[in-house]
Each structure stands twice: as structure tokens, then as C-alpha cells.
PDB file of N, CA and C in Angstrom:
ATOM      1  N   MET A   1      15.090   9.938   4.156  1.00  0.00           N
ATOM      2  CA  MET A   1      15.049   8.969   5.254  1.00  0.00           C
ATOM      3  C   MET A   1      13.864   9.309   6.164  1.00  0.00           C
ATOM      4  N   LYS A   2      13.037   8.332   6.420  1.00  0.00           N
ATOM      5  CA  LYS A   2      11.876   8.537   7.275  1.00  0.00           C
ATOM      6  C   LYS A   2      12.293   8.532   8.736  1.00  0.00           C
ATOM      7  N   LYS A   3      11.695   9.438   9.507  1.00  0.00           N
ATOM      8  CA  LYS A   3      11.965   9.497  10.939  1.00  0.00           C
ATOM      9  C   LYS A   3      11.133   8.409  11.623  1.00  0.00           C
ATOM     10  N   ILE A   4      11.812   7.525  12.354  1.00  0.00           N
ATOM     11  CA  ILE A   4      11.138   6.421  13.034  1.00  0.00           C
ATOM     12  C   ILE A   4      11.416   6.503  14.529  1.00  0.00           C
ATOM     13  N   ILE A   5      10.342   6.479  15.310  1.00  0.00           N
ATOM     14  CA  ILE A   5      10.449   6.385  16.764  1.00  0.00           C
ATOM     15  C   ILE A   5       9.979   4.976  17.115  1.00  0.00           C
ATOM     16  N   PHE A   6      10.820   4.228  17.803  1.00  0.00           N
ATOM     17  CA  PHE A   6      10.592   2.811  18.069  1.00  0.00           C
ATOM     18  C   PHE A   6      10.437   2.625  19.579  1.00  0.00           C
ATOM     19  N   TYR A   7       9.187   2.434  20.028  1.00  0.00           N
ATOM     20  CA  TYR A   7       8.925   2.126  21.435  1.00  0.00           C
ATOM     21  C   TYR A   7       9.017   0.617  21.582  1.00  0.00           C
ATOM     22  N   SER A   8       9.905   0.180  22.472  1.00  0.00           N
ATOM     23  CA  SER A   8      10.228  -1.234  22.584  1.00  0.00           C
ATOM     24  C   SER A   8      10.307  -1.657  24.048  1.00  0.00           C
ATOM     25  N   TYR A   9      10.215  -2.955  24.260  1.00  0.00           N
ATOM     26  CA  TYR A   9      10.434  -3.546  25.575  1.00  0.00           C
ATOM     27  C   TYR A   9      11.572  -4.539  25.394  1.00  0.00           C
ATOM     28  N   LEU A  10      12.633  -4.368  26.147  1.00  0.00           N
ATOM     29  CA  LEU A  10      13.852  -5.147  25.935  1.00  0.00           C
ATOM     30  C   LEU A  10      13.654  -6.658  25.997  1.00  0.00           C
ATOM     31  N   LYS A  11      12.696  -7.119  26.787  1.00  0.00           N
ATOM     32  CA  LYS A  11      12.475  -8.558  26.932  1.00  0.00           C
ATOM     33  C   LYS A  11      11.519  -9.125  25.877  1.00  0.00           C
ATOM     34  N   CYS A  12      11.049  -8.282  24.978  1.00  0.00           N
ATOM     35  CA  CYS A  12      10.059  -8.688  23.977  1.00  0.00           C
ATOM     36  C   CYS A  12      10.742  -9.225  22.720  1.00  0.00           C
ATOM     37  N   SER A  13      10.495 -10.484  22.400  1.00  0.00           N
ATOM     38  CA  SER A  13      11.128 -11.091  21.220  1.00  0.00           C
ATOM     39  C   SER A  13      10.612 -10.466  19.921  1.00  0.00           C
ATOM     40  N   THR A  14       9.357 -10.053  19.894  1.00  0.00           N
ATOM     41  CA  THR A  14       8.815  -9.408  18.700  1.00  0.00           C
ATOM     42  C   THR A  14       9.498  -8.065  18.458  1.00  0.00           C
ATOM     43  N   CYS A  15       9.791  -7.341  19.530  1.00  0.00           N
ATOM     44  CA  CYS A  15      10.521  -6.074  19.406  1.00  0.00           C
ATOM     45  C   CYS A  15      11.920  -6.320  18.851  1.00  0.00           C
ATOM     46  N   ARG A  16      12.556  -7.375  19.324  1.00  0.00           N
ATOM     47  CA  ARG A  16      13.898  -7.701  18.826  1.00  0.00           C
ATOM     48  C   ARG A  16      13.861  -8.063  17.336  1.00  0.00           C
ATOM     49  N   LYS A  17      12.826  -8.783  16.913  1.00  0.00           N
ATOM     50  CA  LYS A  17      12.682  -9.124  15.492  1.00  0.00           C
ATOM     51  C   LYS A  17      12.503  -7.861  14.649  1.00  0.00           C
ATOM     52  N   ALA A  18      11.677  -6.948  15.133  1.00  0.00           N
ATOM     53  CA  ALA A  18      11.441  -5.698  14.402  1.00  0.00           C
ATOM     54  C   ALA A  18      12.721  -4.876  14.308  1.00  0.00           C
ATOM     55  N   ALA A  19      13.462  -4.786  15.407  1.00  0.00           N
ATOM     56  CA  ALA A  19      14.724  -4.034  15.414  1.00  0.00           C
ATOM     57  C   ALA A  19      15.724  -4.670  14.452  1.00  0.00           C
ATOM     58  N   LYS A  20      15.774  -5.982  14.454  1.00  0.00           N
ATOM     59  CA  LYS A  20      16.691  -6.695  13.553  1.00  0.00           C
ATOM     60  C   LYS A  20      16.334  -6.405  12.094  1.00  0.00           C
ATOM     61  N   TRP A  21      15.037  -6.383  11.777  1.00  0.00           N
ATOM     62  CA  TRP A  21      14.590  -6.091  10.419  1.00  0.00           C
ATOM     63  C   TRP A  21      14.995  -4.671  10.022  1.00  0.00           C
ATOM     64  N   LEU A  22      14.737  -3.704  10.902  1.00  0.00           N
ATOM     65  CA  LEU A  22      15.098  -2.309  10.616  1.00  0.00           C
ATOM     66  C   LEU A  22      16.607  -2.149  10.459  1.00  0.00           C
ATOM     67  N   ASP A  23      17.365  -2.819  11.335  1.00  0.00           N
ATOM     68  CA  ASP A  23      18.832  -2.748  11.257  1.00  0.00           C
ATOM     69  C   ASP A  23      19.344  -3.338   9.943  1.00  0.00           C
ATOM     70  N   LYS A  24      18.782  -4.474   9.558  1.00  0.00           N
ATOM     71  CA  LYS A  24      19.204  -5.147   8.325  1.00  0.00           C
ATOM     72  C   LYS A  24      18.964  -4.260   7.101  1.00  0.00           C
ATOM     73  N   LYS A  25      17.897  -3.465   7.162  1.00  0.00           N
ATOM     74  CA  LYS A  25      17.560  -2.571   6.048  1.00  0.00           C
ATOM     75  C   LYS A  25      18.223  -1.195   6.197  1.00  0.00           C
ATOM     76  N   ASP A  26      19.079  -1.060   7.212  1.00  0.00           N
ATOM     77  CA  ASP A  26      19.818   0.189   7.475  1.00  0.00           C
ATOM     78  C   ASP A  26      18.929   1.389   7.791  1.00  0.00           C
ATOM     79  N   PHE A  27      17.817   1.147   8.461  1.00  0.00           N
ATOM     80  CA  PHE A  27      16.974   2.255   8.898  1.00  0.00           C
ATOM     81  C   PHE A  27      17.488   2.775  10.229  1.00  0.00           C
ATOM     82  N   GLU A  28      17.476   4.072  10.373  1.00  0.00           N
ATOM     83  CA  GLU A  28      17.833   4.683  11.650  1.00  0.00           C
ATOM     84  C   GLU A  28      16.545   4.919  12.422  1.00  0.00           C
ATOM     85  N   TYR A  29      16.617   4.736  13.719  1.00  0.00           N
ATOM     86  CA  TYR A  29      15.438   4.952  14.550  1.00  0.00           C
ATOM     87  C   TYR A  29      15.868   5.382  15.943  1.00  0.00           C
ATOM     88  N   GLN A  30      14.928   6.032  16.607  1.00  0.00           N
ATOM     89  CA  GLN A  30      15.129   6.424  18.001  1.00  0.00           C
ATOM     90  C   GLN A  30      14.468   5.345  18.853  1.00  0.00           C
ATOM     91  N   LEU A  31      15.247   4.662  19.676  1.00  0.00           N
ATOM     92  CA  LEU A  31      14.739   3.572  20.506  1.00  0.00           C
ATOM     93  C   LEU A  31      14.355   4.103  21.884  1.00  0.00           C
ATOM     94  N   ILE A  32      13.123   3.814  22.299  1.00  0.00           N
ATOM     95  CA  ILE A  32      12.615   4.265  23.597  1.00  0.00           C
ATOM     96  C   ILE A  32      12.025   3.064  24.331  1.00  0.00           C
ATOM     97  N   ASP A  33      12.362   2.925  25.608  1.00  0.00           N
ATOM     98  CA  ASP A  33      11.809   1.855  26.447  1.00  0.00           C
ATOM     99  C   ASP A  33      10.352   2.191  26.760  1.00  0.00           C
ATOM    100  N   ILE A  34       9.429   1.394  26.246  1.00  0.00           N
ATOM    101  CA  ILE A  34       7.998   1.653  26.380  1.00  0.00           C
ATOM    102  C   ILE A  34       7.516   1.574  27.831  1.00  0.00           C
ATOM    103  N   VAL A  35       8.234   0.834  28.676  1.00  0.00           N
ATOM    104  CA  VAL A  35       7.847   0.713  30.081  1.00  0.00           C
ATOM    105  C   VAL A  35       8.248   1.969  30.855  1.00  0.00           C
ATOM    106  N   LYS A  36       9.458   2.442  30.610  1.00  0.00           N
ATOM    107  CA  LYS A  36       9.944   3.638  31.305  1.00  0.00           C
ATOM    108  C   LYS A  36       9.329   4.916  30.757  1.00  0.00           C
ATOM    109  N   GLU A  37       9.032   4.912  29.470  1.00  0.00           N
ATOM    110  CA  GLU A  37       8.518   6.113  28.806  1.00  0.00           C
ATOM    111  C   GLU A  37       7.465   5.719  27.765  1.00  0.00           C
ATOM    112  N   PRO A  38       6.207   5.568  28.196  1.00  0.00           N
ATOM    113  CA  PRO A  38       5.148   5.199  27.246  1.00  0.00           C
ATOM    114  C   PRO A  38       5.032   6.234  26.119  1.00  0.00           C
ATOM    115  N   PRO A  39       4.446   5.845  24.995  1.00  0.00           N
ATOM    116  CA  PRO A  39       4.290   6.791  23.886  1.00  0.00           C
ATOM    117  C   PRO A  39       3.571   8.072  24.317  1.00  0.00           C
ATOM    118  N   LEU A  40       3.910   9.147  23.639  1.00  0.00           N
ATOM    119  CA  LEU A  40       3.288  10.435  23.918  1.00  0.00           C
ATOM    120  C   LEU A  40       1.786  10.366  23.677  1.00  0.00           C
ATOM    121  N   LEU A  41       1.064  11.227  24.357  1.00  0.00           N
ATOM    122  CA  LEU A  41      -0.389  11.297  24.227  1.00  0.00           C
ATOM    123  C   LEU A  41      -0.807  11.426  22.760  1.00  0.00           C
ATOM    124  N   ASP A  42      -0.131  12.282  22.014  1.00  0.00           N
ATOM    125  CA  ASP A  42      -0.458  12.467  20.591  1.00  0.00           C
ATOM    126  C   ASP A  42      -0.316  11.165  19.807  1.00  0.00           C
ATOM    127  N   TYR A  43       0.702  10.373  20.126  1.00  0.00           N
ATOM    128  CA  TYR A  43       0.922   9.115  19.413  1.00  0.00           C
ATOM    129  C   TYR A  43      -0.129   8.068  19.785  1.00  0.00           C
ATOM    130  N   LEU A  44      -0.542   8.056  21.047  1.00  0.00           N
ATOM    131  CA  LEU A  44      -1.599   7.123  21.455  1.00  0.00           C
ATOM    132  C   LEU A  44      -2.915   7.496  20.780  1.00  0.00           C
ATOM    133  N   ASN A  45      -3.209   8.793  20.720  1.00  0.00           N
ATOM    134  CA  ASN A  45      -4.414   9.249  20.018  1.00  0.00           C
ATOM    135  C   ASN A  45      -4.366   8.855  18.545  1.00  0.00           C
ATOM    136  N   LEU A  46      -3.214   9.023  17.930  1.00  0.00           N
ATOM    137  CA  LEU A  46      -3.033   8.658  16.529  1.00  0.00           C
ATOM    138  C   LEU A  46      -3.270   7.157  16.328  1.00  0.00           C
ATOM    139  N   ALA A  47      -2.725   6.349  17.218  1.00  0.00           N
ATOM    140  CA  ALA A  47      -2.914   4.896  17.125  1.00  0.00           C
ATOM    141  C   ALA A  47      -4.387   4.525  17.270  1.00  0.00           C
ATOM    142  N   LEU A  48      -5.071   5.147  18.217  1.00  0.00           N
ATOM    143  CA  LEU A  48      -6.496   4.857  18.404  1.00  0.00           C
ATOM    144  C   LEU A  48      -7.302   5.250  17.170  1.00  0.00           C
ATOM    145  N   GLU A  49      -6.948   6.371  16.556  1.00  0.00           N
ATOM    146  CA  GLU A  49      -7.640   6.793  15.333  1.00  0.00           C
ATOM    147  C   GLU A  49      -7.373   5.803  14.198  1.00  0.00           C
ATOM    148  N   GLN A  50      -6.125   5.423  14.033  1.00  0.00           N
ATOM    149  CA  GLN A  50      -5.745   4.516  12.950  1.00  0.00           C
ATOM    150  C   GLN A  50      -6.380   3.145  13.076  1.00  0.00           C
ATOM    151  N   TYR A  51      -6.430   2.631  14.288  1.00  0.00           N
ATOM    152  CA  TYR A  51      -6.910   1.268  14.499  1.00  0.00           C
ATOM    153  C   TYR A  51      -8.371   1.217  14.933  1.00  0.00           C
ATOM    154  N   SER A  52      -9.062   2.348  14.862  1.00  0.00           N
ATOM    155  CA  SER A  52     -10.482   2.420  15.178  1.00  0.00           C
ATOM    156  C   SER A  52     -11.251   1.601  14.139  1.00  0.00           C
ATOM    157  N   PRO A  53     -12.307   0.930  14.500  1.00  0.00           N
ATOM    158  CA  PRO A  53     -12.985   0.927  15.789  1.00  0.00           C
ATOM    159  C   PRO A  53     -12.480  -0.145  16.754  1.00  0.00           C
ATOM    160  N   ASP A  54     -11.460  -0.905  16.377  1.00  0.00           N
ATOM    161  CA  ASP A  54     -10.976  -1.991  17.231  1.00  0.00           C
ATOM    162  C   ASP A  54     -10.058  -1.460  18.330  1.00  0.00           C
ATOM    163  N   LYS A  55     -10.658  -0.978  19.412  1.00  0.00           N
ATOM    164  CA  LYS A  55      -9.902  -0.400  20.528  1.00  0.00           C
ATOM    165  C   LYS A  55      -8.905  -1.393  21.118  1.00  0.00           C
ATOM    166  N   LYS A  56      -9.246  -2.657  21.058  1.00  0.00           N
ATOM    167  CA  LYS A  56      -8.405  -3.680  21.681  1.00  0.00           C
ATOM    168  C   LYS A  56      -7.081  -3.870  20.942  1.00  0.00           C
ATOM    169  N   ARG A  57      -7.025  -3.474  19.688  1.00  0.00           N
ATOM    170  CA  ARG A  57      -5.832  -3.671  18.845  1.00  0.00           C
ATOM    171  C   ARG A  57      -4.602  -2.960  19.401  1.00  0.00           C
ATOM    172  N   ILE A  58      -4.798  -1.880  20.125  1.00  0.00           N
ATOM    173  CA  ILE A  58      -3.676  -1.102  20.657  1.00  0.00           C
ATOM    174  C   ILE A  58      -3.120  -1.714  21.952  1.00  0.00           C
ATOM    175  N   PHE A  59      -3.835  -2.685  22.502  1.00  0.00           N
ATOM    176  CA  PHE A  59      -3.413  -3.324  23.752  1.00  0.00           C
ATOM    177  C   PHE A  59      -2.587  -4.585  23.494  1.00  0.00           C
ATOM    178  N   ASN A  60      -1.651  -4.843  24.398  1.00  0.00           N
ATOM    179  CA  ASN A  60      -0.876  -6.086  24.400  1.00  0.00           C
ATOM    180  C   ASN A  60      -1.730  -7.127  25.123  1.00  0.00           C
ATOM    181  N   THR A  61      -2.663  -7.712  24.397  1.00  0.00           N
ATOM    182  CA  THR A  61      -3.670  -8.590  25.008  1.00  0.00           C
ATOM    183  C   THR A  61      -3.112  -9.911  25.527  1.00  0.00           C
ATOM    184  N   ARG A  62      -1.909 -10.277  25.105  1.00  0.00           N
ATOM    185  CA  ARG A  62      -1.322 -11.534  25.573  1.00  0.00           C
ATOM    186  C   ARG A  62      -0.475 -11.358  26.828  1.00  0.00           C
ATOM    187  N   GLY A  63      -0.260 -10.126  27.230  1.00  0.00           N
ATOM    188  CA  GLY A  63       0.598  -9.861  28.381  1.00  0.00           C
ATOM    189  C   GLY A  63      -0.103 -10.009  29.721  1.00  0.00           C
ATOM    190  N   LYS A  64       0.696 -10.231  30.753  1.00  0.00           N
ATOM    191  CA  LYS A  64       0.170 -10.380  32.116  1.00  0.00           C
ATOM    192  C   LYS A  64      -0.535  -9.114  32.585  1.00  0.00           C
ATOM    193  N   ALA A  65       0.010  -7.958  32.235  1.00  0.00           N
ATOM    194  CA  ALA A  65      -0.573  -6.687  32.677  1.00  0.00           C
ATOM    195  C   ALA A  65      -2.004  -6.547  32.167  1.00  0.00           C
ATOM    196  N   PHE A  66      -2.234  -6.894  30.904  1.00  0.00           N
ATOM    197  CA  PHE A  66      -3.578  -6.786  30.334  1.00  0.00           C
ATOM    198  C   PHE A  66      -4.522  -7.792  30.984  1.00  0.00           C
ATOM    199  N   LYS A  67      -4.058  -9.013  31.137  1.00  0.00           N
ATOM    200  CA  LYS A  67      -4.909 -10.055  31.720  1.00  0.00           C
ATOM    201  C   LYS A  67      -5.296  -9.731  33.158  1.00  0.00           C
ATOM    202  N   SER A  68      -4.428  -9.013  33.862  1.00  0.00           N
ATOM    203  CA  SER A  68      -4.705  -8.700  35.267  1.00  0.00           C
ATOM    204  C   SER A  68      -5.729  -7.580  35.448  1.00  0.00           C
ATOM    205  N   ILE A  69      -5.948  -6.737  34.428  1.00  0.00           N
ATOM    206  CA  ILE A  69      -6.891  -5.620  34.605  1.00  0.00           C
ATOM    207  C   ILE A  69      -8.342  -6.057  34.480  1.00  0.00           C
ATOM    208  N   ASN A  70      -8.599  -7.127  33.719  1.00  0.00           N
ATOM    209  CA  ASN A  70      -9.935  -7.704  33.633  1.00  0.00           C
ATOM    210  C   ASN A  70     -11.020  -6.652  33.374  1.00  0.00           C
ATOM    211  N   LEU A  71     -10.855  -5.882  32.297  1.00  0.00           N
ATOM    212  CA  LEU A  71     -11.820  -4.847  31.929  1.00  0.00           C
ATOM    213  C   LEU A  71     -12.411  -5.120  30.554  1.00  0.00           C
ATOM    214  N   ASP A  72     -13.623  -4.616  30.354  1.00  0.00           N
ATOM    215  CA  ASP A  72     -14.212  -4.637  29.021  1.00  0.00           C
ATOM    216  C   ASP A  72     -13.738  -3.370  28.315  1.00  0.00           C
ATOM    217  N   ILE A  73     -12.721  -3.496  27.497  1.00  0.00           N
ATOM    218  CA  ILE A  73     -12.107  -2.356  26.818  1.00  0.00           C
ATOM    219  C   ILE A  73     -13.132  -1.587  25.997  1.00  0.00           C
ATOM    220  N   TYR A  74     -14.078  -2.296  25.398  1.00  0.00           N
ATOM    221  CA  TYR A  74     -15.053  -1.655  24.520  1.00  0.00           C
ATOM    222  C   TYR A  74     -16.028  -0.757  25.275  1.00  0.00           C
ATOM    223  N   SER A  75     -16.105  -0.904  26.584  1.00  0.00           N
ATOM    224  CA  SER A  75     -16.996  -0.045  27.369  1.00  0.00           C
ATOM    225  C   SER A  75     -16.300   1.243  27.819  1.00  0.00           C
ATOM    226  N   LEU A  76     -14.996   1.343  27.591  1.00  0.00           N
ATOM    227  CA  LEU A  76     -14.238   2.515  28.028  1.00  0.00           C
ATOM    228  C   LEU A  76     -14.258   3.616  26.974  1.00  0.00           C
ATOM    229  N   SER A  77     -14.216   4.854  27.451  1.00  0.00           N
ATOM    230  CA  SER A  77     -14.112   5.995  26.540  1.00  0.00           C
ATOM    231  C   SER A  77     -12.677   6.099  26.034  1.00  0.00           C
ATOM    232  N   LYS A  78     -12.486   6.889  25.009  1.00  0.00           N
ATOM    233  CA  LYS A  78     -11.149   7.105  24.457  1.00  0.00           C
ATOM    234  C   LYS A  78     -10.226   7.666  25.540  1.00  0.00           C
ATOM    235  N   GLU A  79     -10.722   8.600  26.335  1.00  0.00           N
ATOM    236  CA  GLU A  79      -9.927   9.214  27.399  1.00  0.00           C
ATOM    237  C   GLU A  79      -9.534   8.190  28.463  1.00  0.00           C
ATOM    238  N   GLU A  80     -10.456   7.299  28.812  1.00  0.00           N
ATOM    239  CA  GLU A  80     -10.158   6.257  29.801  1.00  0.00           C
ATOM    240  C   GLU A  80      -9.102   5.284  29.263  1.00  0.00           C
ATOM    241  N   ILE A  81      -9.197   4.961  27.995  1.00  0.00           N
ATOM    242  CA  ILE A  81      -8.207   4.069  27.378  1.00  0.00           C
ATOM    243  C   ILE A  81      -6.834   4.719  27.404  1.00  0.00           C
ATOM    244  N   ILE A  82      -6.769   5.988  27.028  1.00  0.00           N
ATOM    245  CA  ILE A  82      -5.493   6.717  27.017  1.00  0.00           C
ATOM    246  C   ILE A  82      -4.875   6.721  28.416  1.00  0.00           C
ATOM    247  N   GLN A  83      -5.663   7.036  29.426  1.00  0.00           N
ATOM    248  CA  GLN A  83      -5.144   7.075  30.799  1.00  0.00           C
ATOM    249  C   GLN A  83      -4.649   5.700  31.239  1.00  0.00           C
ATOM    250  N   LEU A  84      -5.374   4.667  30.866  1.00  0.00           N
ATOM    251  CA  LEU A  84      -4.976   3.298  31.199  1.00  0.00           C
ATOM    252  C   LEU A  84      -3.640   2.953  30.537  1.00  0.00           C
ATOM    253  N   LEU A  85      -3.499   3.282  29.265  1.00  0.00           N
ATOM    254  CA  LEU A  85      -2.261   2.994  28.540  1.00  0.00           C
ATOM    255  C   LEU A  85      -1.085   3.789  29.094  1.00  0.00           C
ATOM    256  N   LEU A  86      -1.317   5.039  29.451  1.00  0.00           N
ATOM    257  CA  LEU A  86      -0.250   5.868  30.017  1.00  0.00           C
ATOM    258  C   LEU A  86       0.176   5.384  31.403  1.00  0.00           C
ATOM    259  N   SER A  87      -0.727   4.680  32.097  1.00  0.00           N
ATOM    260  CA  SER A  87      -0.427   4.217  33.455  1.00  0.00           C
ATOM    261  C   SER A  87       0.530   3.024  33.475  1.00  0.00           C
ATOM    262  N   ASP A  88       0.589   2.272  32.367  1.00  0.00           N
ATOM    263  CA  ASP A  88       1.440   1.079  32.322  1.00  0.00           C
ATOM    264  C   ASP A  88       1.824   0.767  30.879  1.00  0.00           C
ATOM    265  N   GLY A  89       3.075   1.027  30.536  1.00  0.00           N
ATOM    266  CA  GLY A  89       3.563   0.788  29.180  1.00  0.00           C
ATOM    267  C   GLY A  89       3.453  -0.659  28.732  1.00  0.00           C
ATOM    268  N   LYS A  90       3.382  -1.589  29.691  1.00  0.00           N
ATOM    269  CA  LYS A  90       3.270  -3.003  29.323  1.00  0.00           C
ATOM    270  C   LYS A  90       1.887  -3.346  28.764  1.00  0.00           C
ATOM    271  N   LEU A  91       0.928  -2.442  28.923  1.00  0.00           N
ATOM    272  CA  LEU A  91      -0.403  -2.667  28.368  1.00  0.00           C
ATOM    273  C   LEU A  91      -0.453  -2.398  26.866  1.00  0.00           C
ATOM    274  N   ILE A  92       0.547  -1.687  26.351  1.00  0.00           N
ATOM    275  CA  ILE A  92       0.540  -1.229  24.965  1.00  0.00           C
ATOM    276  C   ILE A  92       1.137  -2.284  24.032  1.00  0.00           C
ATOM    277  N   LYS A  93       0.459  -2.517  22.918  1.00  0.00           N
ATOM    278  CA  LYS A  93       0.958  -3.434  21.884  1.00  0.00           C
ATOM    279  C   LYS A  93       2.333  -2.968  21.430  1.00  0.00           C
ATOM    280  N   ARG A  94       3.244  -3.914  21.319  1.00  0.00           N
ATOM    281  CA  ARG A  94       4.599  -3.562  20.926  1.00  0.00           C
ATOM    282  C   ARG A  94       5.141  -4.545  19.900  1.00  0.00           C
ATOM    283  N   PRO A  95       6.110  -4.110  19.147  1.00  0.00           N
ATOM    284  CA  PRO A  95       6.647  -2.757  19.151  1.00  0.00           C
ATOM    285  C   PRO A  95       5.601  -1.739  18.691  1.00  0.00           C
ATOM    286  N   PHE A  96       5.808  -0.523  19.124  1.00  0.00           N
ATOM    287  CA  PHE A  96       4.944   0.609  18.798  1.00  0.00           C
ATOM    288  C   PHE A  96       5.827   1.582  18.029  1.00  0.00           C
ATOM    289  N   LEU A  97       5.650   1.616  16.711  1.00  0.00           N
ATOM    290  CA  LEU A  97       6.482   2.482  15.869  1.00  0.00           C
ATOM    291  C   LEU A  97       5.692   3.685  15.390  1.00  0.00           C
ATOM    292  N   VAL A  98       6.350   4.831  15.444  1.00  0.00           N
ATOM    293  CA  VAL A  98       5.780   6.064  14.912  1.00  0.00           C
ATOM    294  C   VAL A  98       6.729   6.521  13.823  1.00  0.00           C
ATOM    295  N   TYR A  99       6.203   6.803  12.649  1.00  0.00           N
ATOM    296  CA  TYR A  99       7.110   7.340  11.638  1.00  0.00           C
ATOM    297  C   TYR A  99       6.505   8.561  10.977  1.00  0.00           C
ATOM    298  N   GLU A 100       7.413   9.460  10.686  1.00  0.00           N
ATOM    299  CA  GLU A 100       7.064  10.759  10.130  1.00  0.00           C
ATOM    300  C   GLU A 100       6.039  11.473  11.005  1.00  0.00           C
ATOM    301  N   GLU A 101       5.937  11.077  12.260  1.00  0.00           N
ATOM    302  CA  GLU A 101       5.042  11.655  13.259  1.00  0.00           C
ATOM    303  C   GLU A 101       3.581  11.683  12.833  1.00  0.00           C
ATOM    304  N   LYS A 102       3.228  10.838  11.845  1.00  0.00           N
ATOM    305  CA  LYS A 102       1.838  10.834  11.399  1.00  0.00           C
ATOM    306  C   LYS A 102       1.264   9.441  11.152  1.00  0.00           C
ATOM    307  N   LYS A 103       2.048   8.402  11.415  1.00  0.00           N
ATOM    308  CA  LYS A 103       1.584   7.030  11.203  1.00  0.00           C
ATOM    309  C   LYS A 103       2.141   6.142  12.302  1.00  0.00           C
ATOM    310  N   VAL A 104       1.318   5.214  12.771  1.00  0.00           N
ATOM    311  CA  VAL A 104       1.723   4.267  13.811  1.00  0.00           C
ATOM    312  C   VAL A 104       1.613   2.853  13.253  1.00  0.00           C
ATOM    313  N   ILE A 105       2.602   2.031  13.586  1.00  0.00           N
ATOM    314  CA  ILE A 105       2.545   0.602  13.264  1.00  0.00           C
ATOM    315  C   ILE A 105       2.662  -0.144  14.582  1.00  0.00           C
ATOM    316  N   LEU A 106       1.720  -1.035  14.829  1.00  0.00           N
ATOM    317  CA  LEU A 106       1.718  -1.840  16.050  1.00  0.00           C
ATOM    318  C   LEU A 106       2.135  -3.264  15.722  1.00  0.00           C
ATOM    319  N   GLY A 107       2.983  -3.831  16.574  1.00  0.00           N
ATOM    320  CA  GLY A 107       3.434  -5.197  16.359  1.00  0.00           C
ATOM    321  C   GLY A 107       4.472  -5.259  15.255  1.00  0.00           C
ATOM    322  N   PHE A 108       4.806  -6.474  14.843  1.00  0.00           N
ATOM    323  CA  PHE A 108       5.765  -6.646  13.753  1.00  0.00           C
ATOM    324  C   PHE A 108       5.224  -7.624  12.737  1.00  0.00           C
ATOM    325  N   ASN A 109       5.116  -7.146  11.505  1.00  0.00           N
ATOM    326  CA  ASN A 109       4.746  -7.967  10.368  1.00  0.00           C
ATOM    327  C   ASN A 109       5.666  -7.535   9.237  1.00  0.00           C
ATOM    328  N   GLU A 110       6.505  -8.446   8.792  1.00  0.00           N
ATOM    329  CA  GLU A 110       7.528  -8.117   7.798  1.00  0.00           C
ATOM    330  C   GLU A 110       6.930  -7.503   6.532  1.00  0.00           C
ATOM    331  N   ILE A 111       5.809  -8.023   6.082  1.00  0.00           N
ATOM    332  CA  ILE A 111       5.165  -7.493   4.872  1.00  0.00           C
ATOM    333  C   ILE A 111       4.693  -6.062   5.102  1.00  0.00           C
ATOM    334  N   GLU A 112       4.055  -5.818   6.240  1.00  0.00           N
ATOM    335  CA  GLU A 112       3.590  -4.460   6.554  1.00  0.00           C
ATOM    336  C   GLU A 112       4.767  -3.490   6.658  1.00  0.00           C
ATOM    337  N   TYR A 113       5.841  -3.917   7.298  1.00  0.00           N
ATOM    338  CA  TYR A 113       7.021  -3.055   7.410  1.00  0.00           C
ATOM    339  C   TYR A 113       7.578  -2.730   6.028  1.00  0.00           C
ATOM    340  N   ALA A 114       7.664  -3.731   5.164  1.00  0.00           N
ATOM    341  CA  ALA A 114       8.187  -3.510   3.811  1.00  0.00           C
ATOM    342  C   ALA A 114       7.304  -2.524   3.048  1.00  0.00           C
ATOM    343  N   GLU A 115       5.987  -2.675   3.178  1.00  0.00           N
ATOM    344  CA  GLU A 115       5.062  -1.760   2.497  1.00  0.00           C
ATOM    345  C   GLU A 115       5.212  -0.330   3.002  1.00  0.00           C
ATOM    346  N   GLN A 116       5.415  -0.173   4.293  1.00  0.00           N
ATOM    347  CA  GLN A 116       5.482   1.167   4.878  1.00  0.00           C
ATOM    348  C   GLN A 116       6.835   1.840   4.694  1.00  0.00           C
ATOM    349  N   PHE A 117       7.903   1.073   4.783  1.00  0.00           N
ATOM    350  CA  PHE A 117       9.242   1.667   4.829  1.00  0.00           C
ATOM    351  C   PHE A 117      10.038   1.577   3.534  1.00  0.00           C
ATOM    352  N   MET A 118       9.622   0.764   2.594  1.00  0.00           N
ATOM    353  CA  MET A 118      10.432   0.594   1.375  1.00  0.00           C
ATOM    354  C   MET A 118       9.897   1.461   0.245  1.00  0.00           C
TER     355      MET A 118
END
């Protein structure tokens, strides 16, 4: 059984879809509120490495929090991005899943989940 850490926002419909998919497939996961407890620094670094060079991919670009910051993400250093993400969990693309502590999946795509977890 793969260890899954699921950072979620309770009001997020995409997070609910992802949880429903995991539940239907009988996967166990640790659920963490991304707003109250943003992902650990190591997990954010891992996500940035995985989704490099597209720094914007790790951000919840459709959310109010992101739209209100009005920054050119591509001009920021990795350290500045990490600090920004740690400052507000609503800036982070969700759901934010970490599994086996070495892979991150951002958002929910049923095909991607099936490829990773089945």
C-alpha cells in the first residue's frame, strides 16, 4: 500500500472529486487542510523540481488569492516562490498529493491517478 498524504481544501470541488476517487479505490490517505497546514518545505521543493520549468503549475492560478498578488511568478527565485506558497495555502494548486514521500501530484486527473496508483 502506497503512503499518500492528501493536502486538501474543504470547499474545493476538485479536492472532493479526488478524495471520492481514492475512497472508491480503497486507498488510505492522510488528509491535511492545506490552508491551516501548507505542505512541508521538502514537498514544495519536490513539486517545484517535478513541475520545472513551469513554476506557475504549482500555483492555484484560478483562485482569488493568486489573482490578488499580481506578481510575475517567472521573475521570482525558487526561495521566493517557496516563501510565497508557505505564506498562504490557498495559493497552492490543489489537491496536492504526496505519495511514498518522493512524488507529488497536483490537481485531479483520473487518468493520471490511475497511472500513479494502480
